[in-house]
Amino acid sequence: MFARRLGCLAVAMSVAVVTACTNDESALDTAPISVDVAKQPAIAALLPEPIRAGGVLVVGTNPPYQPNEFKNRDGQIVGFDIDLAAALAQVFGLRLRVAESEFAKIIPAIQAGTFHLGMSAFTDTLEREKQVDFVTYFSAGVLWARRTGTTITPTTACGRRVGVKSTTVQDTQEIPAKSADCVRAGKEPIRKVKFENQDATVNALLLGQVDAMSADSPVTAYAVKKTDGQLEAVGPVYDAAPYGIAVAKGGVAQAVRAAMQYLIEHGYYSTIATHWGLSAGMIRESVVNGAKE
């Protein structure tokens, strides 16, 4: 469980620094799945020649954000996004190289040509589409969690502490909007507490340093599952939006979309998503720039 992790982690927050004791629960993590996908020459031909000639697909990601990307006890980055990236690389006939990065630096690295793709549970938004193109691959909403036995909900959070991962949609859009609603109603604003990674957010909730957390639905569901009754999900999933693979503007979007659609239509995508317990968010058609707002 989270409370049994050995050691302590200094967690930087928006207004203070909190020392959060963490635990090693990697034994509870889902192991990666490998699918065997044949190269599809017609799809591979859609890639720019320099990428084909290089033989490597470089994907930037920011663990930990379970179950999409996180490190196992051997230090290897694994997860739904990583297994899907490996399948995409096979469609292109390329080797996969996963590059760890700070979340906020992935898009700049794509723009600079350092990464070919960014796969880190990016919500495809109109604002982000100004910087990069997105190829959709999943549908996720917002889901809150609280300590079991407490009563906070998304509609009763005014004046309470809510943990979020820095630079996520929950940080930049959801909680600020809810907090503004509180103020308009004459109540105290939500006390948003930002963390650099999702593990720190979950641990802070378990330790009582925040009253609730808000994250993407698959992330919250995975955290609740792993904490064995210590946390519970709050209310329904709402504000569903697509996850997108980030790519450079005018670059490889159509090639990646074709590869993703191939995985969807031939069952590889379903195999991977189901393995990670994410079948509820599967999509039937991948599109370029599918932001709703």
C-alpha atoms as a PDB file:
ATOM      1  CA  MET A   1       0.000   0.000   0.000  1.00  0.00           C
ATOM      2  CA  PHE A   2       1.080   3.613  -0.381  1.00  0.00           C
ATOM      3  CA  ALA A   3       1.447   4.061   3.394  1.00  0.00           C
ATOM      4  CA  ARG A   4       4.063   1.314   3.539  1.00  0.00           C
ATOM      5  CA  ARG A   5       6.468   2.721   0.961  1.00  0.00           C
ATOM      6  CA  LEU A   6       9.973   3.055   2.357  1.00  0.00           C
ATOM      7  CA  GLY A   7      11.567   6.465   2.641  1.00  0.00           C
ATOM      8  CA  CYS A   8      10.263  10.016   2.262  1.00  0.00           C
ATOM      9  CA  LEU A   9       9.929  12.363  -0.672  1.00  0.00           C
ATOM     10  CA  ALA A  10      10.052  16.141  -0.533  1.00  0.00           C
ATOM     11  CA  VAL A  11       7.089  17.271  -2.588  1.00  0.00           C
ATOM     12  CA  ALA A  12       7.020  20.788  -4.031  1.00  0.00           C
ATOM     13  CA  MET A  13       3.586  22.381  -3.875  1.00  0.00           C
ATOM     14  CA  SER A  14       2.107  25.659  -5.056  1.00  0.00           C
ATOM     15  CA  VAL A  15       2.415  27.354  -1.676  1.00  0.00           C
ATOM     16  CA  ALA A  16       4.702  25.189   0.418  1.00  0.00           C
ATOM     17  CA  VAL A  17       6.943  22.145   0.546  1.00  0.00           C
ATOM     18  CA  VAL A  18       5.527  19.058   2.213  1.00  0.00           C
ATOM     19  CA  THR A  19       7.501  15.958   3.106  1.00  0.00           C
ATOM     20  CA  ALA A  20       5.428  12.987   2.027  1.00  0.00           C
ATOM     21  CA  CYS A  21       6.409   9.488   3.113  1.00  0.00           C
ATOM     22  CA  THR A  22       6.009   7.117   0.207  1.00  0.00           C
ATOM     23  CA  ASN A  23       5.956   3.370  -0.212  1.00  0.00           C
ATOM     24  CA  ASP A  24       7.000   0.767  -2.729  1.00  0.00           C
ATOM     25  CA  GLU A  25       3.888  -0.907  -4.047  1.00  0.00           C
ATOM     26  CA  SER A  26       5.367  -1.944  -7.361  1.00  0.00           C
ATOM     27  CA  ALA A  27       4.435  -5.553  -6.627  1.00  0.00           C
ATOM     28  CA  LEU A  28       0.813  -4.515  -7.143  1.00  0.00           C
ATOM     29  CA  ASP A  29       1.443  -2.953 -10.555  1.00  0.00           C
ATOM     30  CA  THR A  30       0.170  -4.518 -13.758  1.00  0.00           C
ATOM     31  CA  ALA A  31       3.017  -5.968 -15.830  1.00  0.00           C
ATOM     32  CA  PRO A  32       3.547  -4.802 -19.436  1.00  0.00           C
ATOM     33  CA  ILE A  33       2.009  -6.719 -22.314  1.00  0.00           C
ATOM     34  CA  SER A  34       3.764  -7.304 -25.623  1.00  0.00           C
ATOM     35  CA  VAL A  35       1.875  -7.721 -28.887  1.00  0.00           C
ATOM     36  CA  ASP A  36       3.473  -8.942 -32.107  1.00  0.00           C
ATOM     37  CA  VAL A  37       2.580  -6.550 -34.933  1.00  0.00           C
ATOM     38  CA  ALA A  38       3.941  -6.913 -38.465  1.00  0.00           C
ATOM     39  CA  LYS A  39       5.384  -3.871 -40.221  1.00  0.00           C
ATOM     40  CA  GLN A  40       2.902  -2.195 -42.559  1.00  0.00           C
ATOM     41  CA  PRO A  41       4.975  -0.766 -45.437  1.00  0.00           C
ATOM     42  CA  ALA A  42       2.208   1.472 -46.798  1.00  0.00           C
ATOM     43  CA  ILE A  43       1.771   3.129 -43.401  1.00  0.00           C
ATOM     44  CA  ALA A  44       5.511   3.307 -42.752  1.00  0.00           C
ATOM     45  CA  ALA A  45       5.918   5.119 -46.075  1.00  0.00           C
ATOM     46  CA  LEU A  46       3.886   8.014 -44.649  1.00  0.00           C
ATOM     47  CA  LEU A  47       6.719   8.839 -42.256  1.00  0.00           C
ATOM     48  CA  PRO A  48       9.384  11.362 -43.301  1.00  0.00           C
ATOM     49  CA  GLU A  49      12.427   9.672 -44.800  1.00  0.00           C
ATOM     50  CA  PRO A  50      14.820  10.823 -42.028  1.00  0.00           C
ATOM     51  CA  ILE A  51      12.747   9.000 -39.397  1.00  0.00           C
ATOM     52  CA  ARG A  52      12.545   5.839 -41.508  1.00  0.00           C
ATOM     53  CA  ALA A  53      16.281   5.969 -42.158  1.00  0.00           C
ATOM     54  CA  GLY A  54      17.049   6.502 -38.474  1.00  0.00           C
ATOM     55  CA  GLY A  55      15.275   3.287 -37.553  1.00  0.00           C
ATOM     56  CA  VAL A  56      14.129   4.580 -34.159  1.00  0.00           C
ATOM     57  CA  LEU A  57      10.866   6.097 -32.932  1.00  0.00           C
ATOM     58  CA  VAL A  58      11.611   8.446 -30.024  1.00  0.00           C
ATOM     59  CA  VAL A  59       8.713   8.937 -27.623  1.00  0.00           C
ATOM     60  CA  GLY A  60       8.796  11.419 -24.754  1.00  0.00           C
ATOM     61  CA  THR A  61       6.877  10.645 -21.570  1.00  0.00           C
ATOM     62  CA  ASN A  62       6.623  11.734 -17.945  1.00  0.00           C
ATOM     63  CA  PRO A  63       6.268   9.005 -15.327  1.00  0.00           C
ATOM     64  CA  PRO A  64       4.770   8.410 -12.882  1.00  0.00           C
ATOM     65  CA  TYR A  65       1.172   8.711 -14.082  1.00  0.00           C
ATOM     66  CA  GLN A  66      -0.225   5.241 -13.525  1.00  0.00           C
ATOM     67  CA  PRO A  67      -1.443   3.279 -15.400  1.00  0.00           C
ATOM     68  CA  ASN A  68      -0.322   5.237 -18.458  1.00  0.00           C
ATOM     69  CA  GLU A  69       3.378   5.560 -17.658  1.00  0.00           C
ATOM     70  CA  PHE A  70       5.335   4.656 -14.542  1.00  0.00           C
ATOM     71  CA  LYS A  71       8.509   2.858 -13.488  1.00  0.00           C
ATOM     72  CA  ASN A  72       8.487  -0.741 -12.345  1.00  0.00           C
ATOM     73  CA  ARG A  73      10.753  -1.959  -9.558  1.00  0.00           C
ATOM     74  CA  ASP A  74      13.563  -2.439 -12.097  1.00  0.00           C
ATOM     75  CA  GLY A  75      13.382   1.220 -13.100  1.00  0.00           C
ATOM     76  CA  GLN A  76      11.888   0.460 -16.517  1.00  0.00           C
ATOM     77  CA  ILE A  77       9.196   2.831 -17.790  1.00  0.00           C
ATOM     78  CA  VAL A  78       6.046   0.795 -18.424  1.00  0.00           C
ATOM     79  CA  GLY A  79       2.321   1.369 -18.824  1.00  0.00           C
ATOM     80  CA  PHE A  80      -0.562   1.607 -21.274  1.00  0.00           C
ATOM     81  CA  ASP A  81       1.011   4.449 -23.255  1.00  0.00           C
ATOM     82  CA  ILE A  82       4.331   2.620 -23.459  1.00  0.00           C
ATOM     83  CA  ASP A  83       2.808  -0.646 -24.682  1.00  0.00           C
ATOM     84  CA  LEU A  84       0.818   1.303 -27.270  1.00  0.00           C
ATOM     85  CA  ALA A  85       3.942   3.186 -28.376  1.00  0.00           C
ATOM     86  CA  ALA A  86       5.745  -0.137 -28.830  1.00  0.00           C
ATOM     87  CA  ALA A  87       2.918  -1.391 -31.046  1.00  0.00           C
ATOM     88  CA  LEU A  88       3.006   1.805 -33.127  1.00  0.00           C
ATOM     89  CA  ALA A  89       6.752   1.411 -33.595  1.00  0.00           C
ATOM     90  CA  GLN A  90       6.188  -2.114 -34.904  1.00  0.00           C
ATOM     91  CA  VAL A  91       3.654  -0.867 -37.465  1.00  0.00           C
ATOM     92  CA  PHE A  92       6.346   1.514 -38.720  1.00  0.00           C
ATOM     93  CA  GLY A  93       9.068  -1.146 -38.571  1.00  0.00           C
ATOM     94  CA  LEU A  94      11.067   0.962 -36.110  1.00  0.00           C
ATOM     95  CA  ARG A  95      12.708   0.358 -32.748  1.00  0.00           C
ATOM     96  CA  LEU A  96      11.141   2.214 -29.831  1.00  0.00           C
ATOM     97  CA  ARG A  97      13.142   4.519 -27.586  1.00  0.00           C
ATOM     98  CA  VAL A  98      11.287   5.911 -24.585  1.00  0.00           C
ATOM     99  CA  ALA A  99      12.712   9.179 -23.262  1.00  0.00           C
ATOM    100  CA  GLU A 100      11.801  10.402 -19.791  1.00  0.00           C
ATOM    101  CA  SER A 101      11.052  14.110 -19.528  1.00  0.00           C
ATOM    102  CA  GLU A 102       9.397  16.672 -17.325  1.00  0.00           C
ATOM    103  CA  PHE A 103       5.774  16.911 -18.436  1.00  0.00           C
ATOM    104  CA  ALA A 104       5.982  20.612 -19.291  1.00  0.00           C
ATOM    105  CA  LYS A 105       9.058  20.025 -21.470  1.00  0.00           C
ATOM    106  CA  ILE A 106       7.604  17.317 -23.727  1.00  0.00           C
ATOM    107  CA  ILE A 107       5.819  19.645 -26.149  1.00  0.00           C
ATOM    108  CA  PRO A 108       8.839  21.976 -26.501  1.00  0.00           C
ATOM    109  CA  ALA A 109      11.005  18.903 -27.178  1.00  0.00           C
ATOM    110  CA  ILE A 110       8.598  17.799 -29.916  1.00  0.00           C
ATOM    111  CA  GLN A 111       8.698  21.270 -31.436  1.00  0.00           C
ATOM    112  CA  ALA A 112      12.500  21.147 -31.350  1.00  0.00           C
ATOM    113  CA  GLY A 113      12.588  17.734 -33.036  1.00  0.00           C
ATOM    114  CA  THR A 114      14.076  15.943 -30.018  1.00  0.00           C
ATOM    115  CA  PHE A 115      11.042  13.650 -29.686  1.00  0.00           C
ATOM    116  CA  HIS A 116       8.989  12.283 -32.573  1.00  0.00           C
ATOM    117  CA  LEU A 117       5.961  11.663 -30.353  1.00  0.00           C
ATOM    118  CA  GLY A 118       4.753  12.670 -26.918  1.00  0.00           C
ATOM    119  CA  MET A 119       2.723  10.017 -25.105  1.00  0.00           C
ATOM    120  CA  SER A 120       1.996  11.038 -21.542  1.00  0.00           C
ATOM    121  CA  ALA A 121      -1.789  11.049 -21.070  1.00  0.00           C
ATOM    122  CA  PHE A 122      -2.064  14.397 -22.846  1.00  0.00           C
ATOM    123  CA  THR A 123      -5.609  15.714 -22.964  1.00  0.00           C
ATOM    124  CA  ASP A 124      -6.156  17.033 -26.485  1.00  0.00           C
ATOM    125  CA  THR A 125      -7.245  20.662 -25.981  1.00  0.00           C
ATOM    126  CA  LEU A 126      -7.691  23.569 -28.379  1.00  0.00           C
ATOM    127  CA  GLU A 127      -5.031  25.492 -26.478  1.00  0.00           C
ATOM    128  CA  ARG A 128      -2.473  22.703 -26.848  1.00  0.00           C
ATOM    129  CA  GLU A 129      -3.388  22.289 -30.525  1.00  0.00           C
ATOM    130  CA  LYS A 130      -1.935  25.758 -31.087  1.00  0.00           C
ATOM    131  CA  GLN A 131       1.483  24.271 -30.296  1.00  0.00           C
ATOM    132  CA  VAL A 132       1.348  20.706 -31.649  1.00  0.00           C
ATOM    133  CA  ASP A 133      -0.965  18.318 -33.462  1.00  0.00           C
ATOM    134  CA  PHE A 134      -2.648  15.469 -31.601  1.00  0.00           C
ATOM    135  CA  VAL A 135      -3.644  11.985 -32.731  1.00  0.00           C
ATOM    136  CA  THR A 136      -6.447  10.712 -30.497  1.00  0.00           C
ATOM    137  CA  TYR A 137      -6.199   7.288 -28.867  1.00  0.00           C
ATOM    138  CA  PHE A 138      -8.374   7.221 -25.741  1.00  0.00           C
ATOM    139  CA  SER A 139     -11.312   8.932 -24.035  1.00  0.00           C
ATOM    140  CA  ALA A 140     -10.869   9.998 -20.421  1.00  0.00           C
ATOM    141  CA  GLY A 141     -12.803  12.198 -18.052  1.00  0.00           C
ATOM    142  CA  VAL A 142     -12.192  13.752 -14.664  1.00  0.00           C
ATOM    143  CA  LEU A 143     -12.638  11.616 -11.543  1.00  0.00           C
ATOM    144  CA  TRP A 144     -12.014  12.665  -7.953  1.00  0.00           C
ATOM    145  CA  ALA A 145     -10.835  10.498  -5.058  1.00  0.00           C
ATOM    146  CA  ARG A 146     -10.928  10.987  -1.297  1.00  0.00           C
ATOM    147  CA  ARG A 147      -9.881   9.014   1.769  1.00  0.00           C
ATOM    148  CA  THR A 148     -12.441   6.341   2.526  1.00  0.00           C
ATOM    149  CA  GLY A 149     -14.913   7.533   5.129  1.00  0.00           C
ATOM    150  CA  THR A 150     -14.577  11.244   4.340  1.00  0.00           C
ATOM    151  CA  THR A 151     -17.342  13.232   2.678  1.00  0.00           C
ATOM    152  CA  ILE A 152     -15.765  15.792   0.333  1.00  0.00           C
ATOM    153  CA  THR A 153     -17.138  15.872  -3.226  1.00  0.00           C
ATOM    154  CA  PRO A 154     -16.465  18.066  -6.271  1.00  0.00           C
ATOM    155  CA  THR A 155     -19.488  20.162  -5.275  1.00  0.00           C
ATOM    156  CA  THR A 156     -18.494  20.590  -1.612  1.00  0.00           C
ATOM    157  CA  ALA A 157     -14.807  21.412  -2.060  1.00  0.00           C
ATOM    158  CA  CYS A 158     -14.918  25.175  -1.449  1.00  0.00           C
ATOM    159  CA  GLY A 159     -12.255  26.084   1.104  1.00  0.00           C
ATOM    160  CA  ARG A 160     -10.786  22.568   1.028  1.00  0.00           C
ATOM    161  CA  ARG A 161      -7.413  21.299  -0.198  1.00  0.00           C
ATOM    162  CA  VAL A 162      -7.470  19.488  -3.550  1.00  0.00           C
ATOM    163  CA  GLY A 163      -4.332  17.876  -4.958  1.00  0.00           C
ATOM    164  CA  VAL A 164      -3.497  17.903  -8.665  1.00  0.00           C
ATOM    165  CA  LYS A 165      -0.507  17.080 -10.817  1.00  0.00           C
ATOM    166  CA  SER A 166       1.175  20.238 -12.096  1.00  0.00           C
ATOM    167  CA  THR A 167       0.343  21.402 -15.656  1.00  0.00           C
ATOM    168  CA  THR A 168      -2.511  18.914 -16.126  1.00  0.00           C
ATOM    169  CA  VAL A 169      -6.001  19.991 -17.183  1.00  0.00           C
ATOM    170  CA  GLN A 170      -7.063  19.628 -13.560  1.00  0.00           C
ATOM    171  CA  ASP A 171      -4.384  22.148 -12.575  1.00  0.00           C
ATOM    172  CA  THR A 172      -4.852  24.663 -15.373  1.00  0.00           C
ATOM    173  CA  GLN A 173      -8.600  24.471 -16.051  1.00  0.00           C
ATOM    174  CA  GLU A 174     -10.818  22.335 -13.828  1.00  0.00           C
ATOM    175  CA  ILE A 175      -9.869  23.419 -10.309  1.00  0.00           C
ATOM    176  CA  PRO A 176      -9.471  27.137 -11.187  1.00  0.00           C
ATOM    177  CA  ALA A 177     -12.966  27.098 -12.717  1.00  0.00           C
ATOM    178  CA  LYS A 178     -14.499  25.348  -9.710  1.00  0.00           C
ATOM    179  CA  SER A 179     -12.681  27.702  -7.353  1.00  0.00           C
ATOM    180  CA  ALA A 180     -14.035  30.723  -9.231  1.00  0.00           C
ATOM    181  CA  ASP A 181     -17.540  29.281  -8.830  1.00  0.00           C
ATOM    182  CA  CYS A 182     -16.946  29.086  -5.083  1.00  0.00           C
ATOM    183  CA  VAL A 183     -15.943  32.744  -4.935  1.00  0.00           C
ATOM    184  CA  ARG A 184     -18.956  33.812  -6.992  1.00  0.00           C
ATOM    185  CA  ALA A 185     -21.153  31.959  -4.511  1.00  0.00           C
ATOM    186  CA  GLY A 186     -19.580  33.879  -1.628  1.00  0.00           C
ATOM    187  CA  LYS A 187     -17.572  30.901  -0.383  1.00  0.00           C
ATOM    188  CA  GLU A 188     -13.874  30.293   0.178  1.00  0.00           C
ATOM    189  CA  PRO A 189     -11.890  29.330  -2.945  1.00  0.00           C
ATOM    190  CA  ILE A 190     -10.596  25.805  -3.358  1.00  0.00           C
ATOM    191  CA  ARG A 191      -7.052  25.507  -2.044  1.00  0.00           C
ATOM    192  CA  LYS A 192      -5.342  23.943  -5.045  1.00  0.00           C
ATOM    193  CA  VAL A 193      -2.191  22.018  -4.119  1.00  0.00           C
ATOM    194  CA  LYS A 194       0.134  21.186  -7.017  1.00  0.00           C
ATOM    195  CA  PHE A 195       2.555  18.275  -7.159  1.00  0.00           C
ATOM    196  CA  GLU A 196       5.234  17.443  -9.696  1.00  0.00           C
ATOM    197  CA  ASN A 197       4.010  13.879 -10.218  1.00  0.00           C
ATOM    198  CA  GLN A 198       0.928  11.766  -9.635  1.00  0.00           C
ATOM    199  CA  ASP A 199       2.497   9.451  -7.051  1.00  0.00           C
ATOM    200  CA  ALA A 200       3.133  12.456  -4.822  1.00  0.00           C
ATOM    201  CA  THR A 201      -0.469  13.574  -5.244  1.00  0.00           C
ATOM    202  CA  VAL A 202      -1.840  10.193  -4.188  1.00  0.00           C
ATOM    203  CA  ASN A 203       0.531   9.925  -1.235  1.00  0.00           C
ATOM    204  CA  ALA A 204      -0.439  13.399  -0.024  1.00  0.00           C
ATOM    205  CA  LEU A 205      -4.084  12.348  -0.036  1.00  0.00           C
ATOM    206  CA  LEU A 206      -3.329   9.176   1.913  1.00  0.00           C
ATOM    207  CA  LEU A 207      -1.339  11.168   4.464  1.00  0.00           C
ATOM    208  CA  GLY A 208      -4.081  13.755   4.931  1.00  0.00           C
ATOM    209  CA  GLN A 209      -2.082  16.598   3.405  1.00  0.00           C
ATOM    210  CA  VAL A 210      -4.931  17.225   0.953  1.00  0.00           C
ATOM    211  CA  ASP A 211      -8.628  16.447   1.319  1.00  0.00           C
ATOM    212  CA  ALA A 212      -9.192  15.119  -2.193  1.00  0.00           C
ATOM    213  CA  MET A 213      -7.419  14.695  -5.506  1.00  0.00           C
ATOM    214  CA  SER A 214      -8.577  15.263  -9.056  1.00  0.00           C
ATOM    215  CA  ALA A 215      -7.063  13.411 -11.999  1.00  0.00           C
ATOM    216  CA  ASP A 216      -7.977  11.738 -15.252  1.00  0.00           C
ATOM    217  CA  SER A 217     -10.411   8.871 -14.753  1.00  0.00           C
ATOM    218  CA  PRO A 218      -8.016   5.984 -15.553  1.00  0.00           C
ATOM    219  CA  VAL A 219      -5.402   7.420 -13.208  1.00  0.00           C
ATOM    220  CA  THR A 220      -7.831   7.824 -10.322  1.00  0.00           C
ATOM    221  CA  ALA A 221      -9.351   4.384 -10.875  1.00  0.00           C
ATOM    222  CA  TYR A 222      -5.894   2.779 -10.824  1.00  0.00           C
ATOM    223  CA  ALA A 223      -4.952   4.627  -7.608  1.00  0.00           C
ATOM    224  CA  VAL A 224      -8.152   3.499  -5.892  1.00  0.00           C
ATOM    225  CA  LYS A 225      -7.556  -0.091  -6.991  1.00  0.00           C
ATOM    226  CA  LYS A 226      -3.992  -0.152  -5.676  1.00  0.00           C
ATOM    227  CA  THR A 227      -4.696   1.385  -2.262  1.00  0.00           C
ATOM    228  CA  ASP A 228      -6.923  -1.530  -1.259  1.00  0.00           C
ATOM    229  CA  GLY A 229      -9.767   0.383   0.350  1.00  0.00           C
ATOM    230  CA  GLN A 230      -7.840   3.388   1.662  1.00  0.00           C
ATOM    231  CA  LEU A 231      -9.184   5.633  -1.096  1.00  0.00           C
ATOM    232  CA  GLU A 232     -12.521   5.765  -2.868  1.00  0.00           C
ATOM    233  CA  ALA A 233     -13.689   7.372  -6.084  1.00  0.00           C
ATOM    234  CA  VAL A 234     -16.107  10.276  -5.731  1.00  0.00           C
ATOM    235  CA  GLY A 235     -19.095  10.592  -8.020  1.00  0.00           C
ATOM    236  CA  PRO A 236     -19.315   9.917 -11.749  1.00  0.00           C
ATOM    237  CA  VAL A 237     -16.710  10.579 -14.437  1.00  0.00           C
ATOM    238  CA  TYR A 238     -17.349  13.953 -16.065  1.00  0.00           C
ATOM    239  CA  ASP A 239     -15.910  16.283 -18.714  1.00  0.00           C
ATOM    240  CA  ALA A 240     -14.832  13.411 -20.974  1.00  0.00           C
ATOM    241  CA  ALA A 241     -12.191  14.448 -23.510  1.00  0.00           C
ATOM    242  CA  PRO A 242      -9.751  12.662 -25.821  1.00  0.00           C
ATOM    243  CA  TYR A 243      -6.193  11.739 -24.976  1.00  0.00           C
ATOM    244  CA  GLY A 244      -3.877  12.554 -27.848  1.00  0.00           C
ATOM    245  CA  ILE A 245      -0.406  11.593 -29.035  1.00  0.00           C
ATOM    246  CA  ALA A 246       1.449  14.877 -29.468  1.00  0.00           C
ATOM    247  CA  VAL A 247       3.385  15.388 -32.726  1.00  0.00           C
ATOM    248  CA  ALA A 248       4.988  18.376 -34.415  1.00  0.00           C
ATOM    249  CA  LYS A 249       2.758  20.660 -36.465  1.00  0.00           C
ATOM    250  CA  GLY A 250       2.735  19.599 -40.102  1.00  0.00           C
ATOM    251  CA  GLY A 251       4.763  16.504 -39.274  1.00  0.00           C
ATOM    252  CA  VAL A 252       3.849  12.878 -38.715  1.00  0.00           C
ATOM    253  CA  ALA A 253       0.216  13.238 -37.617  1.00  0.00           C
ATOM    254  CA  GLN A 254      -1.317  11.406 -40.578  1.00  0.00           C
ATOM    255  CA  ALA A 255       1.217   8.585 -40.358  1.00  0.00           C
ATOM    256  CA  VAL A 256       0.563   8.120 -36.645  1.00  0.00           C
ATOM    257  CA  ARG A 257      -3.210   8.299 -37.169  1.00  0.00           C
ATOM    258  CA  ALA A 258      -3.008   5.581 -39.840  1.00  0.00           C
ATOM    259  CA  ALA A 259      -0.889   3.391 -37.565  1.00  0.00           C
ATOM    260  CA  MET A 260      -3.249   3.904 -34.637  1.00  0.00           C
ATOM    261  CA  GLN A 261      -6.269   3.082 -36.778  1.00  0.00           C
ATOM    262  CA  TYR A 262      -4.539  -0.102 -37.934  1.00  0.00           C
ATOM    263  CA  LEU A 263      -4.042  -1.163 -34.308  1.00  0.00           C
ATOM    264  CA  ILE A 264      -7.690  -0.391 -33.539  1.00  0.00           C
ATOM    265  CA  GLU A 265      -9.114  -2.277 -36.510  1.00  0.00           C
ATOM    266  CA  HIS A 266      -6.934  -5.354 -36.044  1.00  0.00           C
ATOM    267  CA  GLY A 267      -7.528  -5.848 -32.311  1.00  0.00           C
ATOM    268  CA  TYR A 268      -4.080  -4.936 -30.974  1.00  0.00           C
ATOM    269  CA  TYR A 269      -5.360  -1.739 -29.377  1.00  0.00           C
ATOM    270  CA  SER A 270      -8.172  -3.574 -27.588  1.00  0.00           C
ATOM    271  CA  THR A 271      -5.747  -6.201 -26.304  1.00  0.00           C
ATOM    272  CA  ILE A 272      -3.479  -3.551 -24.794  1.00  0.00           C
ATOM    273  CA  ALA A 273      -6.252  -1.391 -23.330  1.00  0.00           C
ATOM    274  CA  THR A 274      -8.058  -4.359 -21.800  1.00  0.00           C
ATOM    275  CA  HIS A 275      -4.826  -5.616 -20.248  1.00  0.00           C
ATOM    276  CA  TRP A 276      -4.491  -2.309 -18.371  1.00  0.00           C
ATOM    277  CA  GLY A 277      -8.147  -2.259 -17.320  1.00  0.00           C
ATOM    278  CA  LEU A 278      -8.940   0.657 -19.633  1.00  0.00           C
ATOM    279  CA  SER A 279     -11.530  -0.860 -21.952  1.00  0.00           C
ATOM    280  CA  ALA A 280     -14.161   1.691 -20.858  1.00  0.00           C
ATOM    281  CA  GLY A 281     -12.197   4.489 -22.523  1.00  0.00           C
ATOM    282  CA  MET A 282     -11.410   2.782 -25.833  1.00  0.00           C
ATOM    283  CA  ILE A 283     -12.177   4.631 -29.061  1.00  0.00           C
ATOM    284  CA  ARG A 284     -13.237   3.249 -32.439  1.00  0.00           C
ATOM    285  CA  GLU A 285     -11.701   5.899 -34.662  1.00  0.00           C
ATOM    286  CA  SER A 286      -8.489   7.885 -34.289  1.00  0.00           C
ATOM    287  CA  VAL A 287      -8.553  11.466 -35.567  1.00  0.00           C
ATOM    288  CA  VAL A 288      -6.122  14.346 -35.830  1.00  0.00           C
ATOM    289  CA  ASN A 289      -6.895  17.231 -33.478  1.00  0.00           C
ATOM    290  CA  GLY A 290     -10.094  16.025 -31.866  1.00  0.00           C
ATOM    291  CA  ALA A 291     -10.266  18.608 -29.069  1.00  0.00           C
ATOM    292  CA  LYS A 292     -13.726  19.528 -27.854  1.00  0.00           C
ATOM    293  CA  GLU A 293     -12.687  22.751 -26.125  1.00  0.00           C
END
